[in-house]
Amino acid sequence: MLLTVTVWRGFGLRKKSSRKPIFGYSDRTTVKLDFDGELFRKVKYWAEKAMKHFRLGGYIILKSSRDHYHVLFNKTVIWEENTKIMAWVAVLSGNAGLKKWVLMQLIKGASTLRVSSKGNKASPRIVRCEGRQDQEISAFLRWRRLIKKAYKTAD
């Protein structure tokens, strides 16, 4: 697991940025998907389909903003399998935002999802849990709690 932080600094003579950092959860062993501009029922459909097809054991769906959802799966996989699953869902679902997101993760060599708030967007909230949550989902939830706690103390 790798914690990612993006900090944007304003222009001018300020020593400290007025913007809060954006925290994300990044690794190579958790299958993650970032659906943009998609209805919840379609996100759920693709989460179920991928979970069953690749025997991923379980999933959680987080709502990051209106019609924007994150999906994390439970089974630990190697990066090559992870890329295969992400690309499979991106191509078959036809979601342009997901395709673009997957390409960026492939370029980076690890996948990342936002955990903290970003501008006027709240922190992603869990809207659905299905199946087992004892491996990657459990690890993600532990890190999510730590990140959110650290983010609150950064105020």
C-alpha atoms as a PDB file:
ATOM      1  CA  MET A   1       0.000   0.000   0.000  1.00  0.00           C
ATOM      2  CA  LEU A   2       1.207   3.413  -0.867  1.00  0.00           C
ATOM      3  CA  LEU A   3      -0.309   6.617   0.436  1.00  0.00           C
ATOM      4  CA  THR A   4      -0.526   9.302  -2.203  1.00  0.00           C
ATOM      5  CA  VAL A   5      -0.932  12.976  -1.525  1.00  0.00           C
ATOM      6  CA  THR A   6      -1.456  15.719  -4.056  1.00  0.00           C
ATOM      7  CA  VAL A   7      -0.831  19.259  -2.895  1.00  0.00           C
ATOM      8  CA  TRP A   8      -1.559  22.233  -5.115  1.00  0.00           C
ATOM      9  CA  ARG A   9       0.262  25.439  -4.249  1.00  0.00           C
ATOM     10  CA  GLY A  10      -1.143  28.806  -5.145  1.00  0.00           C
ATOM     11  CA  PHE A  11       0.873  31.408  -7.019  1.00  0.00           C
ATOM     12  CA  GLY A  12       2.307  34.335  -5.134  1.00  0.00           C
ATOM     13  CA  LEU A  13       4.460  34.921  -2.092  1.00  0.00           C
ATOM     14  CA  ARG A  14       2.608  32.665   0.326  1.00  0.00           C
ATOM     15  CA  LYS A  15       4.783  30.166   2.146  1.00  0.00           C
ATOM     16  CA  LYS A  16       1.925  27.777   2.815  1.00  0.00           C
ATOM     17  CA  SER A  17      -0.732  26.578   0.415  1.00  0.00           C
ATOM     18  CA  SER A  18      -4.291  27.609   1.205  1.00  0.00           C
ATOM     19  CA  ARG A  19      -5.593  24.357  -0.258  1.00  0.00           C
ATOM     20  CA  LYS A  20      -5.861  21.121   1.692  1.00  0.00           C
ATOM     21  CA  PRO A  21      -3.940  18.078   0.433  1.00  0.00           C
ATOM     22  CA  ILE A  22      -5.845  15.352  -1.395  1.00  0.00           C
ATOM     23  CA  PHE A  23      -5.207  11.887   0.051  1.00  0.00           C
ATOM     24  CA  GLY A  24      -5.579   8.712  -1.970  1.00  0.00           C
ATOM     25  CA  TYR A  25      -5.126   4.979  -1.523  1.00  0.00           C
ATOM     26  CA  SER A  26      -2.713   3.413  -3.979  1.00  0.00           C
ATOM     27  CA  ASP A  27      -1.375  -0.119  -4.441  1.00  0.00           C
ATOM     28  CA  ARG A  28      -0.876  -2.857  -7.028  1.00  0.00           C
ATOM     29  CA  THR A  29      -2.723  -5.750  -5.350  1.00  0.00           C
ATOM     30  CA  THR A  30      -6.249  -4.333  -4.920  1.00  0.00           C
ATOM     31  CA  VAL A  31      -8.513  -4.329  -7.960  1.00  0.00           C
ATOM     32  CA  LYS A  32     -10.063  -0.860  -8.104  1.00  0.00           C
ATOM     33  CA  LEU A  33     -12.392   0.861 -10.570  1.00  0.00           C
ATOM     34  CA  ASP A  34     -13.337   4.537 -10.914  1.00  0.00           C
ATOM     35  CA  PHE A  35     -16.633   5.002 -12.762  1.00  0.00           C
ATOM     36  CA  ASP A  36     -17.366   8.558 -13.910  1.00  0.00           C
ATOM     37  CA  GLY A  37     -20.804   9.646 -15.105  1.00  0.00           C
ATOM     38  CA  GLU A  38     -22.420   6.267 -14.493  1.00  0.00           C
ATOM     39  CA  LEU A  39     -25.695   5.224 -12.896  1.00  0.00           C
ATOM     40  CA  PHE A  40     -25.420   3.283  -9.643  1.00  0.00           C
ATOM     41  CA  ARG A  41     -27.285   0.271 -11.052  1.00  0.00           C
ATOM     42  CA  LYS A  42     -24.727  -0.056 -13.884  1.00  0.00           C
ATOM     43  CA  VAL A  43     -21.800   0.254 -11.475  1.00  0.00           C
ATOM     44  CA  LYS A  44     -23.379  -2.484  -9.327  1.00  0.00           C
ATOM     45  CA  TYR A  45     -23.921  -4.631 -12.439  1.00  0.00           C
ATOM     46  CA  TRP A  46     -20.246  -4.392 -13.465  1.00  0.00           C
ATOM     47  CA  ALA A  47     -19.028  -4.950  -9.896  1.00  0.00           C
ATOM     48  CA  GLU A  48     -21.130  -8.126  -9.659  1.00  0.00           C
ATOM     49  CA  LYS A  49     -20.066  -9.314 -13.106  1.00  0.00           C
ATOM     50  CA  ALA A  50     -16.341  -8.780 -12.423  1.00  0.00           C
ATOM     51  CA  MET A  51     -16.571 -10.309  -8.938  1.00  0.00           C
ATOM     52  CA  LYS A  52     -18.150 -13.499 -10.293  1.00  0.00           C
ATOM     53  CA  HIS A  53     -16.103 -13.761 -13.508  1.00  0.00           C
ATOM     54  CA  PHE A  54     -12.735 -13.295 -11.774  1.00  0.00           C
ATOM     55  CA  ARG A  55     -13.728 -14.857  -8.406  1.00  0.00           C
ATOM     56  CA  LEU A  56     -12.863 -11.702  -6.459  1.00  0.00           C
ATOM     57  CA  GLY A  57     -14.818 -12.717  -3.340  1.00  0.00           C
ATOM     58  CA  GLY A  58     -16.520  -9.411  -2.561  1.00  0.00           C
ATOM     59  CA  TYR A  59     -16.619  -5.709  -3.279  1.00  0.00           C
ATOM     60  CA  ILE A  60     -17.520  -2.319  -1.884  1.00  0.00           C
ATOM     61  CA  ILE A  61     -18.887   0.630  -3.832  1.00  0.00           C
ATOM     62  CA  LEU A  62     -18.165   4.183  -2.707  1.00  0.00           C
ATOM     63  CA  LYS A  63     -19.949   7.246  -4.043  1.00  0.00           C
ATOM     64  CA  SER A  64     -17.391   9.982  -4.713  1.00  0.00           C
ATOM     65  CA  SER A  65     -19.875  12.519  -6.135  1.00  0.00           C
ATOM     66  CA  ARG A  66     -23.085  12.528  -8.174  1.00  0.00           C
ATOM     67  CA  ASP A  67     -22.916   9.643 -10.692  1.00  0.00           C
ATOM     68  CA  HIS A  68     -19.266   8.988  -9.787  1.00  0.00           C
ATOM     69  CA  TYR A  69     -18.397   5.752  -7.992  1.00  0.00           C
ATOM     70  CA  HIS A  70     -15.339   3.837  -6.808  1.00  0.00           C
ATOM     71  CA  VAL A  71     -15.297   0.036  -6.577  1.00  0.00           C
ATOM     72  CA  LEU A  72     -12.774  -2.060  -4.624  1.00  0.00           C
ATOM     73  CA  PHE A  73     -12.626  -5.846  -4.663  1.00  0.00           C
ATOM     74  CA  ASN A  74     -11.568  -8.154  -1.841  1.00  0.00           C
ATOM     75  CA  LYS A  75      -9.226 -10.734  -3.415  1.00  0.00           C
ATOM     76  CA  THR A  76      -5.486 -10.004  -3.446  1.00  0.00           C
ATOM     77  CA  VAL A  77      -4.108 -10.244  -7.005  1.00  0.00           C
ATOM     78  CA  ILE A  78      -0.800  -9.640  -8.750  1.00  0.00           C
ATOM     79  CA  TRP A  79      -0.448  -6.494 -10.868  1.00  0.00           C
ATOM     80  CA  GLU A  80      -0.773  -8.369 -14.187  1.00  0.00           C
ATOM     81  CA  GLU A  81      -4.124  -9.869 -13.129  1.00  0.00           C
ATOM     82  CA  ASN A  82      -5.203  -6.482 -11.757  1.00  0.00           C
ATOM     83  CA  THR A  83      -4.550  -4.763 -15.094  1.00  0.00           C
ATOM     84  CA  LYS A  84      -6.417  -7.510 -16.947  1.00  0.00           C
ATOM     85  CA  ILE A  85      -9.503  -7.089 -14.726  1.00  0.00           C
ATOM     86  CA  MET A  86      -9.497  -3.281 -14.847  1.00  0.00           C
ATOM     87  CA  ALA A  87      -9.127  -3.278 -18.645  1.00  0.00           C
ATOM     88  CA  TRP A  88     -11.791  -5.988 -19.079  1.00  0.00           C
ATOM     89  CA  VAL A  89     -14.391  -3.969 -17.159  1.00  0.00           C
ATOM     90  CA  ALA A  90     -13.380  -0.700 -18.849  1.00  0.00           C
ATOM     91  CA  VAL A  91     -13.715  -2.106 -22.363  1.00  0.00           C
ATOM     92  CA  LEU A  92     -16.916  -4.107 -21.806  1.00  0.00           C
ATOM     93  CA  SER A  93     -18.680  -1.385 -19.818  1.00  0.00           C
ATOM     94  CA  GLY A  94     -17.945   1.256 -22.451  1.00  0.00           C
ATOM     95  CA  ASN A  95     -17.491   3.907 -19.728  1.00  0.00           C
ATOM     96  CA  ALA A  96     -15.146   6.521 -21.242  1.00  0.00           C
ATOM     97  CA  GLY A  97     -14.132   7.909 -17.836  1.00  0.00           C
ATOM     98  CA  LEU A  98     -13.199   4.437 -16.595  1.00  0.00           C
ATOM     99  CA  LYS A  99     -11.165   3.743 -19.751  1.00  0.00           C
ATOM    100  CA  LYS A 100      -9.207   6.970 -19.260  1.00  0.00           C
ATOM    101  CA  TRP A 101      -8.690   6.239 -15.555  1.00  0.00           C
ATOM    102  CA  VAL A 102      -7.437   2.691 -16.280  1.00  0.00           C
ATOM    103  CA  LEU A 103      -4.932   3.995 -18.839  1.00  0.00           C
ATOM    104  CA  MET A 104      -3.540   6.445 -16.270  1.00  0.00           C
ATOM    105  CA  GLN A 105      -3.176   3.653 -13.680  1.00  0.00           C
ATOM    106  CA  LEU A 106      -1.320   1.499 -16.221  1.00  0.00           C
ATOM    107  CA  ILE A 107       1.048   4.386 -16.960  1.00  0.00           C
ATOM    108  CA  LYS A 108       1.679   4.941 -13.217  1.00  0.00           C
ATOM    109  CA  GLY A 109       2.137   1.239 -12.480  1.00  0.00           C
ATOM    110  CA  ALA A 110      -0.307   1.247  -9.559  1.00  0.00           C
ATOM    111  CA  SER A 111      -3.969   2.142  -9.117  1.00  0.00           C
ATOM    112  CA  THR A 112      -5.174   4.988  -6.898  1.00  0.00           C
ATOM    113  CA  LEU A 113      -8.540   6.109  -5.577  1.00  0.00           C
ATOM    114  CA  ARG A 114      -9.256   9.312  -3.668  1.00  0.00           C
ATOM    115  CA  VAL A 115     -10.029   8.949   0.056  1.00  0.00           C
ATOM    116  CA  SER A 116     -10.220  12.560   1.272  1.00  0.00           C
ATOM    117  CA  SER A 117     -12.366  15.445   0.148  1.00  0.00           C
ATOM    118  CA  LYS A 118     -11.352  17.383  -2.951  1.00  0.00           C
ATOM    119  CA  GLY A 119     -12.446  20.963  -3.419  1.00  0.00           C
ATOM    120  CA  ASN A 120     -16.207  20.999  -2.968  1.00  0.00           C
ATOM    121  CA  LYS A 121     -16.463  17.184  -3.232  1.00  0.00           C
ATOM    122  CA  ALA A 122     -16.869  15.290   0.036  1.00  0.00           C
ATOM    123  CA  SER A 123     -14.851  12.228   0.940  1.00  0.00           C
ATOM    124  CA  PRO A 124     -16.206   9.149  -0.901  1.00  0.00           C
ATOM    125  CA  ARG A 125     -18.791   7.309   1.196  1.00  0.00           C
ATOM    126  CA  ILE A 126     -19.601   3.608   1.184  1.00  0.00           C
ATOM    127  CA  VAL A 127     -22.960   2.890  -0.456  1.00  0.00           C
ATOM    128  CA  ARG A 128     -22.825  -0.894  -1.005  1.00  0.00           C
ATOM    129  CA  CYS A 129     -20.948  -3.905   0.392  1.00  0.00           C
ATOM    130  CA  GLU A 130     -21.199  -7.397  -1.039  1.00  0.00           C
ATOM    131  CA  GLY A 131     -19.449 -10.672  -0.218  1.00  0.00           C
ATOM    132  CA  ARG A 132     -16.299 -11.138   1.823  1.00  0.00           C
ATOM    133  CA  GLN A 133     -14.307  -8.192   3.132  1.00  0.00           C
ATOM    134  CA  ASP A 134     -11.414  -9.877   4.935  1.00  0.00           C
ATOM    135  CA  GLN A 135      -8.477  -9.184   2.595  1.00  0.00           C
ATOM    136  CA  GLU A 136      -7.960  -6.087   0.436  1.00  0.00           C
ATOM    137  CA  ILE A 137     -11.203  -4.413   1.507  1.00  0.00           C
ATOM    138  CA  SER A 138     -10.242  -4.798   5.165  1.00  0.00           C
ATOM    139  CA  ALA A 139      -6.796  -3.296   4.484  1.00  0.00           C
ATOM    140  CA  PHE A 140      -8.364  -0.428   2.536  1.00  0.00           C
ATOM    141  CA  LEU A 141     -10.851   0.352   5.304  1.00  0.00           C
ATOM    142  CA  ARG A 142      -8.075   0.415   7.928  1.00  0.00           C
ATOM    143  CA  TRP A 143      -6.013   2.855   5.798  1.00  0.00           C
ATOM    144  CA  ARG A 144      -9.120   4.888   5.019  1.00  0.00           C
ATOM    145  CA  ARG A 145      -9.780   5.400   8.744  1.00  0.00           C
ATOM    146  CA  LEU A 146      -6.148   6.468   9.312  1.00  0.00           C
ATOM    147  CA  ILE A 147      -6.160   8.828   6.325  1.00  0.00           C
ATOM    148  CA  LYS A 148      -9.456  10.430   7.353  1.00  0.00           C
ATOM    149  CA  LYS A 149      -8.167  10.862  10.915  1.00  0.00           C
ATOM    150  CA  ALA A 150      -4.931  12.449   9.661  1.00  0.00           C
ATOM    151  CA  TYR A 151      -6.887  14.663   7.273  1.00  0.00           C
ATOM    152  CA  LYS A 152      -9.058  15.980  10.116  1.00  0.00           C
ATOM    153  CA  THR A 153      -6.000  16.802  12.231  1.00  0.00           C
ATOM    154  CA  ALA A 154      -4.460  18.713   9.278  1.00  0.00           C
ATOM    155  CA  ASP A 155      -7.058  21.471   9.762  1.00  0.00           C
END
